[in-house]
Amino acid sequence: MPTTPAQPPHARSLAAVNEEIRALLSAGGLVSPEGRLRYQELLVEWAAAVRGDVAEAA
């Protein structure tokens, strides 16, 4: 029977990732190439956190 993989122990909460995304956006951090890269990384982390929240709710 397949199981849903657990979140890695280093995964941050959805709220923590959202907070960092908001801080990046409010600081105008998307202007630099590094800021855009960080935003993309945060989106991937955000998606993983959402999947983790859904798995916990199930």
Protein backbone atom coordinates (compact mmCIF):
# COMPACT_ATOMS: atom_id res chain seq x y z
CA MET A 1 0.00 0.00 0.00
CA PRO A 2 1.59 3.34 -1.01
CA THR A 3 2.15 5.88 1.68
CA THR A 4 2.54 9.62 1.48
CA PRO A 5 6.12 10.65 2.17
CA ALA A 6 6.52 12.75 5.29
CA GLN A 7 7.91 16.25 5.12
CA PRO A 8 11.67 16.35 5.53
CA PRO A 9 12.69 17.40 9.04
CA HIS A 10 14.22 20.63 7.71
CA ALA A 11 10.98 21.75 6.04
CA ARG A 12 9.59 25.03 7.31
CA SER A 13 5.95 25.70 8.01
CA LEU A 14 3.71 27.25 5.41
CA ALA A 15 3.40 30.36 7.59
CA ALA A 16 7.18 30.79 7.77
CA VAL A 17 7.57 30.51 4.01
CA ASN A 18 4.67 32.93 3.44
CA GLU A 19 6.30 35.40 5.80
CA GLU A 20 9.56 35.31 3.86
CA ILE A 21 7.77 35.70 0.52
CA ARG A 22 5.86 38.71 1.83
CA ALA A 23 9.05 40.27 3.20
CA LEU A 24 10.82 39.80 -0.13
CA LEU A 25 7.94 41.35 -2.05
CA SER A 26 7.44 44.28 0.32
CA ALA A 27 11.16 45.09 0.25
CA GLY A 28 11.18 45.22 -3.55
CA GLY A 29 13.45 42.17 -3.58
CA LEU A 30 12.34 40.96 -6.99
CA VAL A 31 14.32 43.69 -8.73
CA SER A 32 17.63 41.84 -8.59
CA PRO A 33 18.38 38.51 -10.30
CA GLU A 34 19.19 37.08 -6.86
CA GLY A 35 15.81 38.22 -5.57
CA ARG A 36 14.01 36.56 -8.46
CA LEU A 37 15.96 33.35 -7.87
CA ARG A 38 15.13 33.43 -4.16
CA TYR A 39 11.45 33.99 -4.99
CA GLN A 40 11.46 30.92 -7.26
CA GLU A 41 13.09 28.86 -4.49
CA LEU A 42 10.48 30.09 -2.03
CA LEU A 43 7.66 29.13 -4.38
CA VAL A 44 9.00 25.58 -4.57
CA GLU A 45 9.29 25.48 -0.78
CA TRP A 46 5.79 26.96 -0.45
CA ALA A 47 4.33 24.25 -2.72
CA ALA A 48 6.03 21.54 -0.65
CA ALA A 49 4.63 23.09 2.54
CA VAL A 50 1.13 23.17 1.03
CA ARG A 51 1.42 19.49 0.10
CA GLY A 52 2.55 18.76 3.65
CA ASP A 53 -0.46 20.60 5.10
CA VAL A 54 -2.81 18.68 2.83
CA ALA A 55 -1.25 15.36 3.81
CA GLU A 56 -1.56 16.21 7.51
CA ALA A 57 -5.23 17.14 7.07
CA ALA A 58 -6.01 13.84 5.35
